[in-house]
Amino acid sequence: MDIDVFPNTLEYWGPSGMVFFRNIQIRYMPIQGDSRLTIALERPGASADQGVYVGRPELANVNSKFSLPDLSAEYRYAGGFGYVEVAGMLRSIAWEDQNNDPVVDLSDNVLGWGLNLSSNINFTKSLVGRFQYVFGEGIENYMNDATNDIGIENNFSDPKQPVLGVALPMSGIVAFLDMKWSDKWTSSVGYSSIDINNTETANPSTFKKGQYIVGNLLYNPAPNAMMGVELQYTTRENESDGWDTDMMKIQFSFKYNFSQAFYRKAQM
């Protein structure tokens, strides 16, 4: 996850196509500072879409199994221009069929993987671009706005495994510009999307694609105060039922940060 891609917006959820998951991890950082290298083992987890087969007794006792942690790595190169970063993910996603059926055994595993390219570019002292492109299979668990990591694919030629679990391919885009007009006025405008390739057995109403466009104008009259207006436009497209929708929202916000210490121990 590259938190520096998150734009300066009022809407708290953030870009739909952004990698955004604060996971439990054990990490090693041989290079630290503005430029850095990080390698981590992360808590595994995934979800599956049973699609048109939901409720079938054959799937009732098929349970997930995570024997290995997810492996992630990132390298960031920073300079006066900003930074560029490349990150990758490998994950073992497995499941066990505990139905004790001598004919059918749905136990299996897949490899999830992903590649994330991100950057902040200082076009000028007042204009910063925030960009990200992520693609892979079975990494929806790490996305800000996505559904399932695993889908079901028909395999009727094999009576022992008539259906297979597959890692769902996906891609996500983030492209924003943050502008500082003056010491008190700022703006952020940009676009984000996520696109998931579901399997043929997905329900027609399954989420397929989401898009997100935001623009705002923010005013900071004092160091601890902020107010602003933001226009947000979003769309959702389903898999195959022909249904899609869009929404436009205007948000007005005011924020004041304050704190009060009622007691502070004297320094010796």
Protein backbone atom coordinates (compact mmCIF):
# COMPACT_ATOMS: atom_id res chain seq x y z
CA MET A 1 0.00 0.00 0.00
CA ASP A 2 1.29 3.43 -0.97
CA ILE A 3 -0.57 5.89 1.28
CA ASP A 4 1.08 8.86 -0.51
CA VAL A 5 -1.20 8.18 -3.49
CA PHE A 6 -4.25 9.15 -1.39
CA PRO A 7 -5.43 12.59 -2.62
CA ASN A 8 -6.37 15.56 -0.44
CA THR A 9 -10.15 14.96 -0.56
CA LEU A 10 -13.03 15.42 1.87
CA GLU A 11 -14.65 12.09 0.98
CA TYR A 12 -13.06 9.70 3.48
CA TRP A 13 -13.34 6.35 1.63
CA GLY A 14 -10.89 7.25 -1.10
CA PRO A 15 -10.22 6.18 -4.68
CA SER A 16 -11.93 2.96 -5.77
CA GLY A 17 -8.89 1.61 -7.64
CA MET A 18 -6.36 2.21 -4.86
CA VAL A 19 -4.47 -0.48 -2.96
CA PHE A 20 -5.51 0.34 0.61
CA PHE A 21 -5.25 -2.29 3.32
CA ARG A 22 -3.38 -1.83 6.60
CA ASN A 23 -2.50 -5.45 7.26
CA ILE A 24 -0.67 -7.14 10.14
CA GLN A 25 2.87 -7.85 8.99
CA ILE A 26 6.45 -8.67 9.91
CA ARG A 27 8.79 -6.64 7.75
CA TYR A 28 12.47 -6.21 7.01
CA MET A 29 13.79 -2.86 5.75
CA PRO A 30 17.39 -3.12 4.53
CA ILE A 31 17.13 0.36 2.98
CA GLN A 32 15.42 3.14 4.95
CA GLY A 33 14.86 6.83 4.35
CA ASP A 34 13.28 8.73 1.46
CA SER A 35 14.36 5.84 -0.76
CA ARG A 36 13.54 2.49 0.79
CA LEU A 37 13.28 -1.25 0.32
CA THR A 38 10.78 -3.28 2.33
CA ILE A 39 10.10 -7.03 2.38
CA ALA A 40 7.21 -8.31 4.50
CA LEU A 41 5.23 -11.37 5.51
CA GLU A 42 1.57 -10.44 5.95
CA ARG A 43 -1.50 -12.01 7.49
CA PRO A 44 -3.26 -14.04 4.74
CA GLY A 45 -6.95 -13.89 3.93
CA ALA A 46 -9.30 -14.07 0.97
CA SER A 47 -12.96 -14.34 0.01
CA ALA A 48 -14.72 -16.40 -2.65
CA ASP A 49 -17.72 -15.85 -4.91
CA GLN A 50 -19.83 -19.01 -5.27
CA GLY A 51 -21.89 -17.29 -7.93
CA VAL A 52 -24.76 -19.33 -9.37
CA TYR A 53 -23.73 -22.28 -7.17
CA VAL A 54 -24.33 -20.50 -3.88
CA GLY A 55 -26.28 -22.72 -1.49
CA ARG A 56 -25.25 -25.97 -3.16
CA PRO A 57 -24.60 -28.72 -0.53
CA GLU A 58 -21.35 -29.70 -2.26
CA LEU A 59 -19.90 -26.32 -1.26
CA ALA A 60 -21.25 -26.29 2.29
CA ASN A 61 -18.11 -27.70 3.90
CA VAL A 62 -15.45 -26.35 1.58
CA ASN A 63 -13.36 -24.16 3.89
CA SER A 64 -10.45 -21.82 3.30
CA LYS A 65 -6.95 -22.81 4.34
CA PHE A 66 -3.99 -20.46 4.67
CA SER A 67 -0.78 -22.33 5.45
CA LEU A 68 1.58 -19.55 4.34
CA PRO A 69 1.66 -15.79 4.91
CA ASP A 70 1.38 -13.39 2.00
CA LEU A 71 4.74 -12.18 0.72
CA SER A 72 5.02 -8.52 -0.26
CA ALA A 73 7.89 -6.27 -1.28
CA GLU A 74 8.31 -2.63 -2.29
CA TYR A 75 11.13 -0.44 -3.55
CA ARG A 76 10.87 3.36 -3.64
CA TYR A 77 13.35 5.68 -5.31
CA ALA A 78 12.98 9.29 -4.17
CA GLY A 79 14.51 12.52 -5.43
CA GLY A 80 13.75 16.18 -5.97
CA PHE A 81 11.17 15.25 -8.62
CA GLY A 82 9.17 13.18 -6.10
CA TYR A 83 9.39 9.40 -6.12
CA VAL A 84 8.61 6.26 -8.10
CA GLU A 85 7.70 2.99 -6.41
CA VAL A 86 7.21 -0.61 -7.51
CA ALA A 87 5.59 -3.18 -5.22
CA GLY A 88 4.66 -6.81 -5.63
CA MET A 89 2.60 -9.48 -3.89
CA LEU A 90 2.56 -13.28 -3.90
CA ARG A 91 -0.05 -15.24 -1.96
CA SER A 92 -1.11 -18.86 -1.61
CA ILE A 93 -4.91 -19.25 -1.45
CA ALA A 94 -6.14 -22.76 -0.68
CA TRP A 95 -9.34 -24.51 0.36
CA GLU A 96 -10.22 -27.98 1.68
CA ASP A 97 -13.27 -30.07 0.85
CA GLN A 98 -14.38 -31.60 4.17
CA ASN A 99 -17.53 -33.29 2.85
CA ASN A 100 -15.87 -36.76 2.87
CA ASP A 101 -17.40 -37.53 -0.52
CA PRO A 102 -15.47 -40.43 -2.20
CA VAL A 103 -16.51 -39.24 -5.66
CA VAL A 104 -16.03 -35.47 -5.56
CA ASP A 105 -13.10 -33.63 -3.99
CA LEU A 106 -13.07 -29.85 -4.50
CA SER A 107 -9.87 -29.21 -2.52
CA ASP A 108 -7.42 -27.05 -4.45
CA ASN A 109 -5.17 -23.99 -4.31
CA VAL A 110 -4.20 -21.06 -6.53
CA LEU A 111 -1.43 -18.49 -6.62
CA GLY A 112 -2.47 -14.89 -6.17
CA TRP A 113 -0.12 -12.20 -7.43
CA GLY A 114 -0.03 -8.50 -8.07
CA LEU A 115 2.18 -5.67 -9.28
CA ASN A 116 1.67 -2.08 -8.18
CA LEU A 117 3.37 0.92 -9.81
CA SER A 118 2.93 4.28 -8.06
CA SER A 119 4.42 7.74 -7.99
CA ASN A 120 4.23 11.30 -6.71
CA ILE A 121 5.57 13.83 -9.21
CA ASN A 122 6.32 17.44 -8.23
CA PHE A 123 5.43 19.24 -11.45
CA THR A 124 5.98 22.55 -9.64
CA LYS A 125 6.31 23.60 -6.00
CA SER A 126 2.53 23.98 -5.93
CA LEU A 127 1.35 21.10 -8.17
CA VAL A 128 1.75 17.42 -7.23
CA GLY A 129 0.58 14.47 -9.29
CA ARG A 130 -0.42 11.25 -7.52
CA PHE A 131 -0.54 8.17 -9.75
CA GLN A 132 -0.96 4.42 -9.40
CA TYR A 133 -1.59 1.44 -11.65
CA VAL A 134 -2.13 -2.01 -10.13
CA PHE A 135 -2.92 -5.32 -11.81
CA GLY A 136 -2.89 -8.98 -10.84
CA GLU A 137 -5.01 -11.97 -9.88
CA GLY A 138 -6.56 -12.81 -6.53
CA ILE A 139 -5.49 -9.57 -4.79
CA GLU A 140 -8.94 -7.98 -4.38
CA ASN A 141 -8.54 -8.37 -0.60
CA TYR A 142 -5.93 -5.61 -0.72
CA MET A 143 -8.03 -3.14 -2.72
CA ASN A 144 -9.96 -0.17 -1.36
CA ASP A 145 -13.13 -1.03 -3.27
CA ALA A 146 -13.37 -4.61 -4.58
CA THR A 147 -15.28 -7.82 -4.03
CA ASN A 148 -13.96 -11.41 -4.07
CA ASP A 149 -10.51 -12.84 -4.72
CA ILE A 150 -11.70 -16.24 -5.99
CA GLY A 151 -14.40 -17.20 -8.50
CA ILE A 152 -15.74 -20.55 -9.73
CA GLU A 153 -15.01 -21.92 -13.18
CA ASN A 154 -16.84 -24.90 -14.70
CA ASN A 155 -14.76 -28.04 -15.23
CA PHE A 156 -17.40 -30.62 -16.16
CA SER A 157 -14.93 -32.84 -18.05
CA ASP A 158 -13.50 -33.95 -14.68
CA PRO A 159 -16.15 -35.66 -12.50
CA LYS A 160 -13.84 -35.53 -9.47
CA GLN A 161 -13.51 -31.74 -9.71
CA PRO A 162 -16.52 -30.51 -11.72
CA VAL A 163 -15.79 -26.92 -10.68
CA LEU A 164 -12.53 -25.11 -10.04
CA GLY A 165 -11.63 -22.06 -8.02
CA VAL A 166 -9.68 -19.42 -9.94
CA ALA A 167 -7.98 -16.20 -8.91
CA LEU A 168 -9.94 -13.31 -10.42
CA PRO A 169 -7.92 -10.90 -12.62
CA MET A 170 -8.30 -7.21 -11.83
CA SER A 171 -6.76 -3.81 -12.51
CA GLY A 172 -6.95 -0.44 -10.77
CA ILE A 173 -6.04 3.14 -11.71
CA VAL A 174 -5.48 6.28 -9.62
CA ALA A 175 -4.63 9.65 -11.20
CA PHE A 176 -4.94 12.88 -9.17
CA LEU A 177 -3.55 16.41 -9.14
CA ASP A 178 -3.19 18.30 -5.85
CA MET A 179 -2.83 22.07 -6.33
CA LYS A 180 -1.82 24.66 -3.74
CA TRP A 181 -3.22 27.98 -4.99
CA SER A 182 -1.94 29.94 -1.99
CA ASP A 183 -1.16 29.43 1.70
CA LYS A 184 -4.89 29.17 2.37
CA TRP A 185 -6.46 27.74 -0.79
CA THR A 186 -5.92 24.21 -2.20
CA SER A 187 -7.66 21.87 -4.65
CA SER A 188 -7.60 18.21 -5.59
CA VAL A 189 -9.06 16.71 -8.77
CA GLY A 190 -8.74 13.27 -10.31
CA TYR A 191 -10.05 9.91 -11.44
CA SER A 192 -9.91 6.32 -10.20
CA SER A 193 -11.36 3.02 -11.38
CA ILE A 194 -11.30 -0.71 -10.68
CA ASP A 195 -12.18 -3.46 -13.15
CA ILE A 196 -12.64 -7.14 -12.22
CA ASN A 197 -12.83 -10.05 -14.69
CA ASN A 198 -15.40 -12.35 -13.10
CA THR A 199 -15.92 -15.97 -14.16
CA GLU A 200 -18.81 -17.33 -16.25
CA THR A 201 -20.55 -18.61 -13.09
CA ALA A 202 -20.72 -15.20 -11.42
CA ASN A 203 -24.19 -13.94 -10.58
CA PRO A 204 -25.40 -11.37 -13.15
CA SER A 205 -25.58 -8.78 -10.36
CA THR A 206 -21.95 -9.27 -9.29
CA PHE A 207 -19.86 -6.10 -9.13
CA LYS A 208 -17.62 -5.70 -12.20
CA LYS A 209 -16.42 -2.11 -12.51
CA GLY A 210 -16.44 1.04 -10.43
CA GLN A 211 -15.36 4.57 -11.38
CA TYR A 212 -14.75 7.60 -9.18
CA ILE A 213 -14.20 11.26 -10.11
CA VAL A 214 -13.63 13.99 -7.50
CA GLY A 215 -12.83 17.69 -7.50
CA ASN A 216 -12.77 20.16 -4.60
CA LEU A 217 -11.82 23.59 -3.34
CA LEU A 218 -10.54 23.85 0.25
CA TYR A 219 -9.91 26.91 2.40
CA ASN A 220 -7.66 26.99 5.48
CA PRO A 221 -8.30 30.33 7.22
CA ALA A 222 -6.21 29.38 10.27
CA PRO A 223 -3.66 26.64 11.08
CA ASN A 224 -6.24 24.42 12.78
CA ALA A 225 -9.30 25.21 10.66
CA MET A 226 -10.43 23.98 7.25
CA MET A 227 -13.61 24.31 5.20
CA GLY A 228 -14.43 23.33 1.67
CA VAL A 229 -16.75 22.06 -1.02
CA GLU A 230 -16.31 18.90 -3.07
CA LEU A 231 -18.07 17.39 -6.09
CA GLN A 232 -17.99 13.60 -6.44
CA TYR A 233 -19.25 11.47 -9.34
CA THR A 234 -19.25 7.65 -9.14
CA THR A 235 -20.48 4.78 -11.31
CA ARG A 236 -21.02 1.05 -10.79
CA GLU A 237 -21.38 -1.61 -13.46
CA ASN A 238 -22.64 -5.15 -12.80
CA GLU A 239 -21.40 -8.29 -14.50
CA SER A 240 -24.16 -9.18 -16.97
CA ASP A 241 -27.63 -8.12 -15.84
CA GLY A 242 -27.43 -4.87 -17.79
CA TRP A 243 -27.73 -2.79 -14.63
CA ASP A 244 -25.42 0.13 -13.96
CA THR A 245 -25.86 3.26 -11.96
CA ASP A 246 -24.21 6.58 -11.33
CA MET A 247 -24.36 9.08 -8.51
CA MET A 248 -23.37 12.70 -8.06
CA LYS A 249 -22.76 14.18 -4.63
CA ILE A 250 -21.83 17.63 -3.32
CA GLN A 251 -20.18 17.68 0.08
CA PHE A 252 -19.60 20.69 2.33
CA SER A 253 -17.29 20.20 5.29
CA PHE A 254 -15.81 22.19 8.16
CA LYS A 255 -13.06 20.95 10.47
CA TYR A 256 -11.37 22.45 13.51
CA ASN A 257 -8.55 20.67 15.33
CA PHE A 258 -8.11 21.42 19.01
CA SER A 259 -6.59 19.91 22.11
CA GLN A 260 -6.39 20.81 25.78
CA ALA A 261 -3.95 19.49 28.36
CA PHE A 262 -5.52 19.70 31.84
CA TYR A 263 -2.41 18.48 33.58
CA ARG A 264 1.20 18.24 32.50
CA LYS A 265 3.91 16.91 34.75
CA ALA A 266 6.68 19.42 35.29
CA GLN A 267 10.01 18.67 33.64
CA MET A 268 12.94 18.04 35.99
